PDB file of N, CA and C in Angstrom:
ATOM      1  N   MET A   1       0.823  -1.192   0.000  1.00  0.00           N
ATOM      2  CA  MET A   1       0.000   0.000   0.000  1.00  0.00           C
ATOM      3  C   MET A   1       0.865   1.252   0.000  1.00  0.00           C
ATOM      4  N   ALA A   2       1.946   1.243   0.777  1.00  0.00           N
ATOM      5  CA  ALA A   2       2.829   2.414   0.832  1.00  0.00           C
ATOM      6  C   ALA A   2       3.475   2.645  -0.537  1.00  0.00           C
ATOM      7  N   ARG A   3       3.831   1.554  -1.219  1.00  0.00           N
ATOM      8  CA  ARG A   3       4.417   1.698  -2.552  1.00  0.00           C
ATOM      9  C   ARG A   3       3.404   2.312  -3.511  1.00  0.00           C
ATOM     10  N   ASN A   4       2.152   1.877  -3.379  1.00  0.00           N
ATOM     11  CA  ASN A   4       1.098   2.400  -4.240  1.00  0.00           C
ATOM     12  C   ASN A   4       0.913   3.902  -4.009  1.00  0.00           C
ATOM     13  N   ARG A   5       0.873   4.328  -2.731  1.00  0.00           N
ATOM     14  CA  ARG A   5       0.739   5.755  -2.422  1.00  0.00           C
ATOM     15  C   ARG A   5       1.917   6.543  -2.949  1.00  0.00           C
ATOM     16  N   ALA A   6       3.100   5.984  -2.785  1.00  0.00           N
ATOM     17  CA  ALA A   6       4.301   6.656  -3.283  1.00  0.00           C
ATOM     18  C   ALA A   6       4.251   6.781  -4.805  1.00  0.00           C
ATOM     19  N   MET A   7       3.781   5.757  -5.473  1.00  0.00           N
ATOM     20  CA  MET A   7       3.685   5.803  -6.937  1.00  0.00           C
ATOM     21  C   MET A   7       2.662   6.846  -7.374  1.00  0.00           C
ATOM     22  N   MET A   8       1.550   6.943  -6.650  1.00  0.00           N
ATOM     23  CA  MET A   8       0.536   7.937  -6.990  1.00  0.00           C
ATOM     24  C   MET A   8       1.096   9.357  -6.804  1.00  0.00           C
ATOM     25  N   ARG A   9       1.847   9.583  -5.720  1.00  0.00           N
ATOM     26  CA  ARG A   9       2.457  10.901  -5.506  1.00  0.00           C
ATOM     27  C   ARG A   9       3.466  11.203  -6.602  1.00  0.00           C
ATOM     28  N   TYR A  10       4.252  10.198  -6.989  1.00  0.00           N
ATOM     29  CA  TYR A  10       5.234  10.364  -8.068  1.00  0.00           C
ATOM     30  C   TYR A  10       4.525  10.709  -9.379  1.00  0.00           C
ATOM     31  N   MET A  11       3.475   9.953  -9.701  1.00  0.00           N
ATOM     32  CA  MET A  11       2.733  10.208 -10.929  1.00  0.00           C
ATOM     33  C   MET A  11       2.100  11.601 -10.899  1.00  0.00           C
ATOM     34  N   ASP A  12       1.504  11.976  -9.766  1.00  0.00           N
ATOM     35  CA  ASP A  12       0.871  13.292  -9.658  1.00  0.00           C
ATOM     36  C   ASP A  12       1.902  14.411  -9.796  1.00  0.00           C
ATOM     37  N   ALA A  13       3.083  14.214  -9.227  1.00  0.00           N
ATOM     38  CA  ALA A  13       4.144  15.217  -9.357  1.00  0.00           C
ATOM     39  C   ALA A  13       4.574  15.348 -10.815  1.00  0.00           C
ATOM     40  N   MET A  14       4.709  14.216 -11.500  1.00  0.00           N
ATOM     41  CA  MET A  14       5.079  14.256 -12.916  1.00  0.00           C
ATOM     42  C   MET A  14       4.020  14.974 -13.748  1.00  0.00           C
ATOM     43  N   LEU A  15       2.763  14.673 -13.470  1.00  0.00           N
ATOM     44  CA  LEU A  15       1.687  15.291 -14.226  1.00  0.00           C
ATOM     45  C   LEU A  15       1.573  16.789 -13.920  1.00  0.00           C
ATOM     46  N   THR A  16       1.767  17.156 -12.673  1.00  0.00           N
ATOM     47  CA  THR A  16       1.718  18.572 -12.290  1.00  0.00           C
ATOM     48  C   THR A  16       2.850  19.343 -12.960  1.00  0.00           C
ATOM     49  N   ALA A  17       4.030  18.733 -13.020  1.00  0.00           N
ATOM     50  CA  ALA A  17       5.187  19.374 -13.654  1.00  0.00           C
ATOM     51  C   ALA A  17       5.132  19.266 -15.180  1.00  0.00           C
ATOM     52  N   GLU A  18       4.127  18.578 -15.684  1.00  0.00           N
ATOM     53  CA  GLU A  18       3.927  18.400 -17.122  1.00  0.00           C
ATOM     54  C   GLU A  18       5.122  17.733 -17.803  1.00  0.00           C
ATOM     55  N   VAL A  19       5.677  16.719 -17.118  1.00  0.00           N
ATOM     56  CA  VAL A  19       6.759  15.924 -17.696  1.00  0.00           C
ATOM     57  C   VAL A  19       6.175  15.129 -18.856  1.00  0.00           C
ATOM     58  N   PRO A  20       6.771  15.218 -20.035  1.00  0.00           N
ATOM     59  CA  PRO A  20       6.212  14.482 -21.181  1.00  0.00           C
ATOM     60  C   PRO A  20       6.365  12.966 -20.996  1.00  0.00           C
ATOM     61  N   ILE A  21       5.283  12.266 -21.228  1.00  0.00           N
ATOM     62  CA  ILE A  21       5.284  10.801 -21.161  1.00  0.00           C
ATOM     63  C   ILE A  21       4.916  10.327 -22.551  1.00  0.00           C
ATOM     64  N   GLY A  22       5.878   9.710 -23.224  1.00  0.00           N
ATOM     65  CA  GLY A  22       5.671   9.306 -24.611  1.00  0.00           C
ATOM     66  C   GLY A  22       4.560   8.291 -24.783  1.00  0.00           C
ATOM     67  N   ASN A  23       4.724   7.133 -24.208  1.00  0.00           N
ATOM     68  CA  ASN A  23       3.758   6.056 -24.361  1.00  0.00           C
ATOM     69  C   ASN A  23       3.102   5.818 -23.004  1.00  0.00           C
ATOM     70  N   VAL A  24       1.883   6.314 -22.831  1.00  0.00           N
ATOM     71  CA  VAL A  24       1.180   6.225 -21.546  1.00  0.00           C
ATOM     72  C   VAL A  24       0.940   4.770 -21.158  1.00  0.00           C
ATOM     73  N   SER A  25       0.539   3.950 -22.118  1.00  0.00           N
ATOM     74  CA  SER A  25       0.275   2.543 -21.804  1.00  0.00           C
ATOM     75  C   SER A  25       1.517   1.846 -21.269  1.00  0.00           C
ATOM     76  N   GLU A  26       2.653   2.105 -21.890  1.00  0.00           N
ATOM     77  CA  GLU A  26       3.915   1.499 -21.442  1.00  0.00           C
ATOM     78  C   GLU A  26       4.310   2.020 -20.063  1.00  0.00           C
ATOM     79  N   TRP A  27       4.188   3.325 -19.866  1.00  0.00           N
ATOM     80  CA  TRP A  27       4.539   3.920 -18.565  1.00  0.00           C
ATOM     81  C   TRP A  27       3.672   3.309 -17.464  1.00  0.00           C
ATOM     82  N   CYS A  28       2.373   3.181 -17.725  1.00  0.00           N
ATOM     83  CA  CYS A  28       1.464   2.617 -16.731  1.00  0.00           C
ATOM     84  C   CYS A  28       1.790   1.155 -16.442  1.00  0.00           C
ATOM     85  N   ARG A  29       2.119   0.388 -17.480  1.00  0.00           N
ATOM     86  CA  ARG A  29       2.461  -1.021 -17.287  1.00  0.00           C
ATOM     87  C   ARG A  29       3.714  -1.162 -16.445  1.00  0.00           C
ATOM     88  N   VAL A  30       4.749  -0.389 -16.771  1.00  0.00           N
ATOM     89  CA  VAL A  30       6.020  -0.465 -16.048  1.00  0.00           C
ATOM     90  C   VAL A  30       5.857  -0.042 -14.586  1.00  0.00           C
ATOM     91  N   ASN A  31       5.020   0.968 -14.347  1.00  0.00           N
ATOM     92  CA  ASN A  31       4.872   1.508 -12.992  1.00  0.00           C
ATOM     93  C   ASN A  31       3.691   0.940 -12.217  1.00  0.00           C
ATOM     94  N   GLY A  32       2.969   0.021 -12.830  1.00  0.00           N
ATOM     95  CA  GLY A  32       1.870  -0.644 -12.123  1.00  0.00           C
ATOM     96  C   GLY A  32       0.687   0.256 -11.836  1.00  0.00           C
ATOM     97  N   VAL A  33       0.395   1.159 -12.761  1.00  0.00           N
ATOM     98  CA  VAL A  33      -0.726   2.082 -12.600  1.00  0.00           C
ATOM     99  C   VAL A  33      -1.749   1.779 -13.692  1.00  0.00           C
ATOM    100  N   ASP A  34      -3.011   1.724 -13.297  1.00  0.00           N
ATOM    101  CA  ASP A  34      -4.070   1.511 -14.269  1.00  0.00           C
ATOM    102  C   ASP A  34      -4.186   2.751 -15.164  1.00  0.00           C
ATOM    103  N   ARG A  35      -4.375   2.536 -16.465  1.00  0.00           N
ATOM    104  CA  ARG A  35      -4.466   3.672 -17.404  1.00  0.00           C
ATOM    105  C   ARG A  35      -5.629   4.594 -17.070  1.00  0.00           C
ATOM    106  N   ARG A  36      -6.753   4.023 -16.648  1.00  0.00           N
ATOM    107  CA  ARG A  36      -7.897   4.869 -16.284  1.00  0.00           C
ATOM    108  C   ARG A  36      -7.549   5.774 -15.113  1.00  0.00           C
ATOM    109  N   THR A  37      -6.778   5.250 -14.152  1.00  0.00           N
ATOM    110  CA  THR A  37      -6.340   6.063 -13.022  1.00  0.00           C
ATOM    111  C   THR A  37      -5.430   7.176 -13.504  1.00  0.00           C
ATOM    112  N   PHE A  38      -4.515   6.837 -14.387  1.00  0.00           N
ATOM    113  CA  PHE A  38      -3.598   7.836 -14.934  1.00  0.00           C
ATOM    114  C   PHE A  38      -4.374   8.978 -15.584  1.00  0.00           C
ATOM    115  N   TYR A  39      -5.312   8.645 -16.451  1.00  0.00           N
ATOM    116  CA  TYR A  39      -6.068   9.673 -17.160  1.00  0.00           C
ATOM    117  C   TYR A  39      -6.981  10.467 -16.220  1.00  0.00           C
ATOM    118  N   ARG A  40      -7.541   9.793 -15.223  1.00  0.00           N
ATOM    119  CA  ARG A  40      -8.381  10.500 -14.251  1.00  0.00           C
ATOM    120  C   ARG A  40      -7.551  11.536 -13.491  1.00  0.00           C
ATOM    121  N   HIS A  41      -6.347  11.139 -13.049  1.00  0.00           N
ATOM    122  CA  HIS A  41      -5.461  12.065 -12.348  1.00  0.00           C
ATOM    123  C   HIS A  41      -5.029  13.194 -13.282  1.00  0.00           C
ATOM    124  N   ARG A  42      -4.668  12.835 -14.497  1.00  0.00           N
ATOM    125  CA  ARG A  42      -4.213  13.854 -15.454  1.00  0.00           C
ATOM    126  C   ARG A  42      -5.310  14.893 -15.710  1.00  0.00           C
ATOM    127  N   ASP A  43      -6.531  14.428 -15.910  1.00  0.00           N
ATOM    128  CA  ASP A  43      -7.633  15.350 -16.198  1.00  0.00           C
ATOM    129  C   ASP A  43      -7.927  16.263 -15.013  1.00  0.00           C
ATOM    130  N   ARG A  44      -7.887  15.719 -13.799  1.00  0.00           N
ATOM    131  CA  ARG A  44      -8.152  16.551 -12.630  1.00  0.00           C
ATOM    132  C   ARG A  44      -7.026  17.557 -12.407  1.00  0.00           C
ATOM    133  N   ILE A  45      -5.785  17.134 -12.628  1.00  0.00           N
ATOM    134  CA  ILE A  45      -4.655  18.052 -12.480  1.00  0.00           C
ATOM    135  C   ILE A  45      -4.741  19.170 -13.505  1.00  0.00           C
ATOM    136  N   ARG A  46      -5.128  18.847 -14.714  1.00  0.00           N
ATOM    137  CA  ARG A  46      -5.287  19.888 -15.738  1.00  0.00           C
ATOM    138  C   ARG A  46      -6.409  20.857 -15.368  1.00  0.00           C
ATOM    139  N   ALA A  47      -7.478  20.351 -14.804  1.00  0.00           N
ATOM    140  CA  ALA A  47      -8.628  21.195 -14.457  1.00  0.00           C
ATOM    141  C   ALA A  47      -8.384  22.031 -13.200  1.00  0.00           C
ATOM    142  N   GLU A  48      -7.707  21.452 -12.193  1.00  0.00           N
ATOM    143  CA  GLU A  48      -7.576  22.110 -10.890  1.00  0.00           C
ATOM    144  C   GLU A  48      -6.165  22.588 -10.570  1.00  0.00           C
ATOM    145  N   GLY A  49      -5.194  22.237 -11.405  1.00  0.00           N
ATOM    146  CA  GLY A  49      -3.823  22.676 -11.159  1.00  0.00           C
ATOM    147  C   GLY A  49      -2.969  21.695 -10.377  1.00  0.00           C
ATOM    148  N   ARG A  50      -3.592  20.871  -9.558  1.00  0.00           N
ATOM    149  CA  ARG A  50      -2.879  19.826  -8.823  1.00  0.00           C
ATOM    150  C   ARG A  50      -3.892  18.819  -8.314  1.00  0.00           C
ATOM    151  N   TRP A  51      -3.379  17.667  -7.887  1.00  0.00           N
ATOM    152  CA  TRP A  51      -4.252  16.614  -7.371  1.00  0.00           C
ATOM    153  C   TRP A  51      -4.511  16.868  -5.896  1.00  0.00           C
ATOM    154  N   ARG A  52      -5.785  16.903  -5.537  1.00  0.00           N
ATOM    155  CA  ARG A  52      -6.174  17.009  -4.130  1.00  0.00           C
ATOM    156  C   ARG A  52      -7.162  15.888  -3.852  1.00  0.00           C
ATOM    157  N   PRO A  53      -6.932  15.131  -2.802  1.00  0.00           N
ATOM    158  CA  PRO A  53      -7.918  14.105  -2.464  1.00  0.00           C
ATOM    159  C   PRO A  53      -9.258  14.765  -2.136  1.00  0.00           C
ATOM    160  N   ARG A  54     -10.327  14.153  -2.546  1.00  0.00           N
ATOM    161  CA  ARG A  54     -11.654  14.677  -2.271  1.00  0.00           C
ATOM    162  C   ARG A  54     -12.313  13.864  -1.171  1.00  0.00           C
ATOM    163  N   SER A  55     -13.190  14.506  -0.464  1.00  0.00           N
ATOM    164  CA  SER A  55     -13.916  13.843   0.607  1.00  0.00           C
ATOM    165  C   SER A  55     -14.832  12.772   0.031  1.00  0.00           C
ATOM    166  N   THR A  56     -14.942  11.674   0.751  1.00  0.00           N
ATOM    167  CA  THR A  56     -15.869  10.619   0.338  1.00  0.00           C
ATOM    168  C   THR A  56     -17.182  10.722   1.103  1.00  0.00           C
ATOM    169  N   ARG A  57     -17.302  11.766   1.920  1.00  0.00           N
ATOM    170  CA  ARG A  57     -18.524  11.964   2.687  1.00  0.00           C
ATOM    171  C   ARG A  57     -19.672  12.294   1.739  1.00  0.00           C
ATOM    172  N   PRO A  58     -20.825  11.663   1.932  1.00  0.00           N
ATOM    173  CA  PRO A  58     -21.952  11.965   1.062  1.00  0.00           C
ATOM    174  C   PRO A  58     -22.430  13.405   1.249  1.00  0.00           C
ATOM    175  N   LYS A  59     -22.939  14.003   0.184  1.00  0.00           N
ATOM    176  CA  LYS A  59     -23.435  15.374   0.255  1.00  0.00           C
ATOM    177  C   LYS A  59     -24.724  15.459   1.067  1.00  0.00           C
ATOM    178  N   THR A  60     -25.528  14.417   1.032  1.00  0.00           N
ATOM    179  CA  THR A  60     -26.754  14.378   1.821  1.00  0.00           C
ATOM    180  C   THR A  60     -26.841  13.038   2.542  1.00  0.00           C
ATOM    181  N   THR A  61     -27.606  13.025   3.612  1.00  0.00           N
ATOM    182  CA  THR A  61     -27.858  11.785   4.350  1.00  0.00           C
ATOM    183  C   THR A  61     -29.361  11.683   4.599  1.00  0.00           C
ATOM    184  N   PRO A  62     -30.104  11.224   3.597  1.00  0.00           N
ATOM    185  CA  PRO A  62     -31.562  11.212   3.701  1.00  0.00           C
ATOM    186  C   PRO A  62     -32.108  10.298   4.795  1.00  0.00           C
ATOM    187  N   HIS A  63     -31.339   9.325   5.224  1.00  0.00           N
ATOM    188  CA  HIS A  63     -31.832   8.402   6.250  1.00  0.00           C
ATOM    189  C   HIS A  63     -31.300   8.739   7.638  1.00  0.00           C
ATOM    190  N   ALA A  64     -30.680   9.893   7.776  1.00  0.00           N
ATOM    191  CA  ALA A  64     -30.152  10.300   9.075  1.00  0.00           C
ATOM    192  C   ALA A  64     -31.310  10.617  10.021  1.00  0.00           C
ATOM    193  N   THR A  65     -31.046  10.446  11.295  1.00  0.00           N
ATOM    194  CA  THR A  65     -32.045  10.791  12.302  1.00  0.00           C
ATOM    195  C   THR A  65     -32.253  12.305  12.286  1.00  0.00           C
ATOM    196  N   PRO A  66     -33.498  12.762  12.212  1.00  0.00           N
ATOM    197  CA  PRO A  66     -33.754  14.205  12.165  1.00  0.00           C
ATOM    198  C   PRO A  66     -33.189  14.916  13.398  1.00  0.00           C
ATOM    199  N   GLU A  67     -32.744  16.132  13.205  1.00  0.00           N
ATOM    200  CA  GLU A  67     -32.088  16.892  14.267  1.00  0.00           C
ATOM    201  C   GLU A  67     -32.970  17.080  15.509  1.00  0.00           C
ATOM    202  N   PRO A  68     -34.290  17.346  15.368  1.00  0.00           N
ATOM    203  CA  PRO A  68     -35.108  17.466  16.585  1.00  0.00           C
ATOM    204  C   PRO A  68     -35.143  16.176  17.406  1.00  0.00           C
ATOM    205  N   VAL A  69     -35.109  15.040  16.734  1.00  0.00           N
ATOM    206  CA  VAL A  69     -35.118  13.757  17.448  1.00  0.00           C
ATOM    207  C   VAL A  69     -33.777  13.543  18.154  1.00  0.00           C
ATOM    208  N   VAL A  70     -32.691  13.895  17.485  1.00  0.00           N
ATOM    209  CA  VAL A  70     -31.364  13.777  18.111  1.00  0.00           C
ATOM    210  C   VAL A  70     -31.303  14.658  19.352  1.00  0.00           C
ATOM    211  N   ALA A  71     -31.797  15.885  19.233  1.00  0.00           N
ATOM    212  CA  ALA A  71     -31.797  16.799  20.381  1.00  0.00           C
ATOM    213  C   ALA A  71     -32.616  16.226  21.531  1.00  0.00           C
ATOM    214  N   GLU A  72     -33.737  15.602  21.206  1.00  0.00           N
ATOM    215  CA  GLU A  72     -34.586  15.008  22.244  1.00  0.00           C
ATOM    216  C   GLU A  72     -33.891  13.822  22.904  1.00  0.00           C
ATOM    217  N   ILE A  73     -33.183  13.021  22.144  1.00  0.00           N
ATOM    218  CA  ILE A  73     -32.440  11.888  22.713  1.00  0.00           C
ATOM    219  C   ILE A  73     -31.390  12.392  23.690  1.00  0.00           C
ATOM    220  N   VAL A  74     -30.664  13.429  23.302  1.00  0.00           N
ATOM    221  CA  VAL A  74     -29.635  13.988  24.189  1.00  0.00           C
ATOM    222  C   VAL A  74     -30.282  14.516  25.466  1.00  0.00           C
ATOM    223  N   ARG A  75     -31.410  15.209  25.316  1.00  0.00           N
ATOM    224  CA  ARG A  75     -32.110  15.738  26.498  1.00  0.00           C
ATOM    225  C   ARG A  75     -32.580  14.603  27.405  1.00  0.00           C
ATOM    226  N   LEU A  76     -33.130  13.536  26.800  1.00  0.00           N
ATOM    227  CA  LEU A  76     -33.620  12.403  27.596  1.00  0.00           C
ATOM    228  C   LEU A  76     -32.496  11.668  28.310  1.00  0.00           C
ATOM    229  N   ARG A  77     -31.331  11.606  27.700  1.00  0.00           N
ATOM    230  CA  ARG A  77     -30.205  10.930  28.363  1.00  0.00           C
ATOM    231  C   ARG A  77     -29.863  11.617  29.668  1.00  0.00           C
ATOM    232  N   GLU A  78     -29.977  12.933  29.684  1.00  0.00           N
ATOM    233  CA  GLU A  78     -29.708  13.674  30.922  1.00  0.00           C
ATOM    234  C   GLU A  78     -30.891  13.582  31.880  1.00  0.00           C
ATOM    235  N   ALA A  79     -32.114  13.707  31.351  1.00  0.00           N
ATOM    236  CA  ALA A  79     -33.305  13.735  32.202  1.00  0.00           C
ATOM    237  C   ALA A  79     -33.606  12.380  32.835  1.00  0.00           C
ATOM    238  N   LEU A  80     -33.299  11.297  32.163  1.00  0.00           N
ATOM    239  CA  LEU A  80     -33.625   9.964  32.670  1.00  0.00           C
ATOM    240  C   LEU A  80     -32.494   9.329  33.478  1.00  0.00           C
ATOM    241  N   ALA A  81     -31.454  10.079  33.773  1.00  0.00           N
ATOM    242  CA  ALA A  81     -30.330   9.522  34.537  1.00  0.00           C
ATOM    243  C   ALA A  81     -30.831   9.041  35.888  1.00  0.00           C
ATOM    244  N   PRO A  82     -30.377   7.951  36.412  1.00  0.00           N
ATOM    245  CA  PRO A  82     -29.349   7.052  35.909  1.00  0.00           C
ATOM    246  C   PRO A  82     -29.893   5.998  34.948  1.00  0.00           C
ATOM    247  N   GLU A  83     -31.208   5.986  34.709  1.00  0.00           N
ATOM    248  CA  GLU A  83     -31.780   4.995  33.801  1.00  0.00           C
ATOM    249  C   GLU A  83     -31.834   5.556  32.385  1.00  0.00           C
ATOM    250  N   ASN A  84     -30.683   5.948  31.867  1.00  0.00           N
ATOM    251  CA  ASN A  84     -30.656   6.582  30.554  1.00  0.00           C
ATOM    252  C   ASN A  84     -30.192   5.638  29.451  1.00  0.00           C
ATOM    253  N   GLY A  85     -30.540   4.379  29.597  1.00  0.00           N
ATOM    254  CA  GLY A  85     -30.176   3.399  28.582  1.00  0.00           C
ATOM    255  C   GLY A  85     -31.117   3.461  27.391  1.00  0.00           C
ATOM    256  N   ALA A  86     -30.921   2.587  26.455  1.00  0.00           N
ATOM    257  CA  ALA A  86     -31.675   2.601  25.205  1.00  0.00           C
ATOM    258  C   ALA A  86     -33.158   2.315  25.416  1.00  0.00           C
ATOM    259  N   ASP A  87     -33.501   1.385  26.291  1.00  0.00           N
ATOM    260  CA  ASP A  87     -34.913   1.006  26.455  1.00  0.00           C
ATOM    261  C   ASP A  87     -35.772   2.138  27.019  1.00  0.00           C
ATOM    262  N   PRO A  88     -35.372   2.790  28.116  1.00  0.00           N
ATOM    263  CA  PRO A  88     -36.195   3.910  28.605  1.00  0.00           C
ATOM    264  C   PRO A  88     -36.287   5.061  27.601  1.00  0.00           C
ATOM    265  N   ILE A  89     -35.201   5.330  26.893  1.00  0.00           N
ATOM    266  CA  ILE A  89     -35.224   6.402  25.896  1.00  0.00           C
ATOM    267  C   ILE A  89     -36.168   6.026  24.754  1.00  0.00           C
ATOM    268  N   ARG A  90     -36.096   4.780  24.301  1.00  0.00           N
ATOM    269  CA  ARG A  90     -36.976   4.319  23.227  1.00  0.00           C
ATOM    270  C   ARG A  90     -38.434   4.439  23.637  1.00  0.00           C
ATOM    271  N   ASP A  91     -38.750   3.992  24.847  1.00  0.00           N
ATOM    272  CA  ASP A  91     -40.132   4.062  25.322  1.00  0.00           C
ATOM    273  C   ASP A  91     -40.627   5.503  25.342  1.00  0.00           C
ATOM    274  N   ARG A  92     -39.814   6.403  25.850  1.00  0.00           N
ATOM    275  CA  ARG A  92     -40.212   7.815  25.913  1.00  0.00           C
ATOM    276  C   ARG A  92     -40.341   8.412  24.507  1.00  0.00           C
ATOM    277  N   LEU A  93     -39.437   8.058  23.598  1.00  0.00           N
ATOM    278  CA  LEU A  93     -39.512   8.569  22.227  1.00  0.00           C
ATOM    279  C   LEU A  93     -40.773   8.078  21.519  1.00  0.00           C
ATOM    280  N   LEU A  94     -41.169   6.831  21.764  1.00  0.00           N
ATOM    281  CA  LEU A  94     -42.403   6.320  21.164  1.00  0.00           C
ATOM    282  C   LEU A  94     -43.613   7.107  21.662  1.00  0.00           C
ATOM    283  N   ASP A  95     -43.646   7.398  22.971  1.00  0.00           N
ATOM    284  CA  ASP A  95     -44.737   8.210  23.518  1.00  0.00           C
ATOM    285  C   ASP A  95     -44.736   9.603  22.884  1.00  0.00           C
ATOM    286  N   MET A  96     -43.578  10.193  22.775  1.00  0.00           N
ATOM    287  CA  MET A  96     -43.460  11.542  22.214  1.00  0.00           C
ATOM    288  C   MET A  96     -43.833  11.558  20.731  1.00  0.00           C
ATOM    289  N   ALA A  97     -43.497  10.505  20.010  1.00  0.00           N
ATOM    290  CA  ALA A  97     -43.819  10.446  18.584  1.00  0.00           C
ATOM    291  C   ALA A  97     -45.324  10.486  18.374  1.00  0.00           C
ATOM    292  N   VAL A  98     -46.060   9.808  19.249  1.00  0.00           N
ATOM    293  CA  VAL A  98     -47.518   9.822  19.157  1.00  0.00           C
ATOM    294  C   VAL A  98     -48.052  11.197  19.554  1.00  0.00           C
ATOM    295  N   GLU A  99     -47.534  11.752  20.669  1.00  0.00           N
ATOM    296  CA  GLU A  99     -47.988  13.054  21.155  1.00  0.00           C
ATOM    297  C   GLU A  99     -47.740  14.164  20.133  1.00  0.00           C
ATOM    298  N   ARG A 100     -46.583  14.144  19.504  1.00  0.00           N
ATOM    299  CA  ARG A 100     -46.169  15.244  18.616  1.00  0.00           C
ATOM    300  C   ARG A 100     -46.417  14.942  17.134  1.00  0.00           C
ATOM    301  N   ASP A 101     -46.983  13.790  16.827  1.00  0.00           N
ATOM    302  CA  ASP A 101     -47.278  13.396  15.444  1.00  0.00           C
ATOM    303  C   ASP A 101     -46.028  13.444  14.553  1.00  0.00           C
ATOM    304  N   TRP A 102     -44.956  12.832  15.033  1.00  0.00           N
ATOM    305  CA  TRP A 102     -43.720  12.815  14.251  1.00  0.00           C
ATOM    306  C   TRP A 102     -43.893  12.011  12.970  1.00  0.00           C
ATOM    307  N   ALA A 103     -44.756  11.024  12.961  1.00  0.00           N
ATOM    308  CA  ALA A 103     -44.944  10.198  11.766  1.00  0.00           C
ATOM    309  C   ALA A 103     -45.501  11.007  10.604  1.00  0.00           C
ATOM    310  N   GLY A 104     -46.284  12.023  10.886  1.00  0.00           N
ATOM    311  CA  GLY A 104     -46.880  12.819   9.832  1.00  0.00           C
ATOM    312  C   GLY A 104     -45.940  13.843   9.217  1.00  0.00           C
ATOM    313  N   ARG A 105     -44.728  13.946   9.726  1.00  0.00           N
ATOM    314  CA  ARG A 105     -43.774  14.969   9.225  1.00  0.00           C
ATOM    315  C   ARG A 105     -42.890  14.462   8.096  1.00  0.00           C
ATOM    316  N   GLY A 106     -43.004  13.222   7.703  1.00  0.00           N
ATOM    317  CA  GLY A 106     -42.189  12.701   6.611  1.00  0.00           C
ATOM    318  C   GLY A 106     -40.765  12.360   7.015  1.00  0.00           C
ATOM    319  N   TRP A 107     -40.536  12.221   8.329  1.00  0.00           N
ATOM    320  CA  TRP A 107     -39.201  11.834   8.770  1.00  0.00           C
ATOM    321  C   TRP A 107     -39.071  10.372   8.583  1.00  0.00           C
TER     322      TRP A 107
END
């Protein structure tokens, strides 16, 4: 893995410095780099000036627990101490969901 990272840094440095590579297929074969990876790096370096790793974090999390529910869980953990385990919190959240009609909000 360390060799692979080192090779990627070497390739990115070459591409950033615009070192001419005559036969891309041969260079990739000799250096153990997939041609698609080479071209992907080259295109991004040309567009952005250098290679920067991008976040793999999703832009949205549609199945995340809604913020009001998270806030209520945190509040209940403090209010139900020392019985602030999952079961008492779940029971209270179920009661609150009915009282506040959380099901009708599309969460």
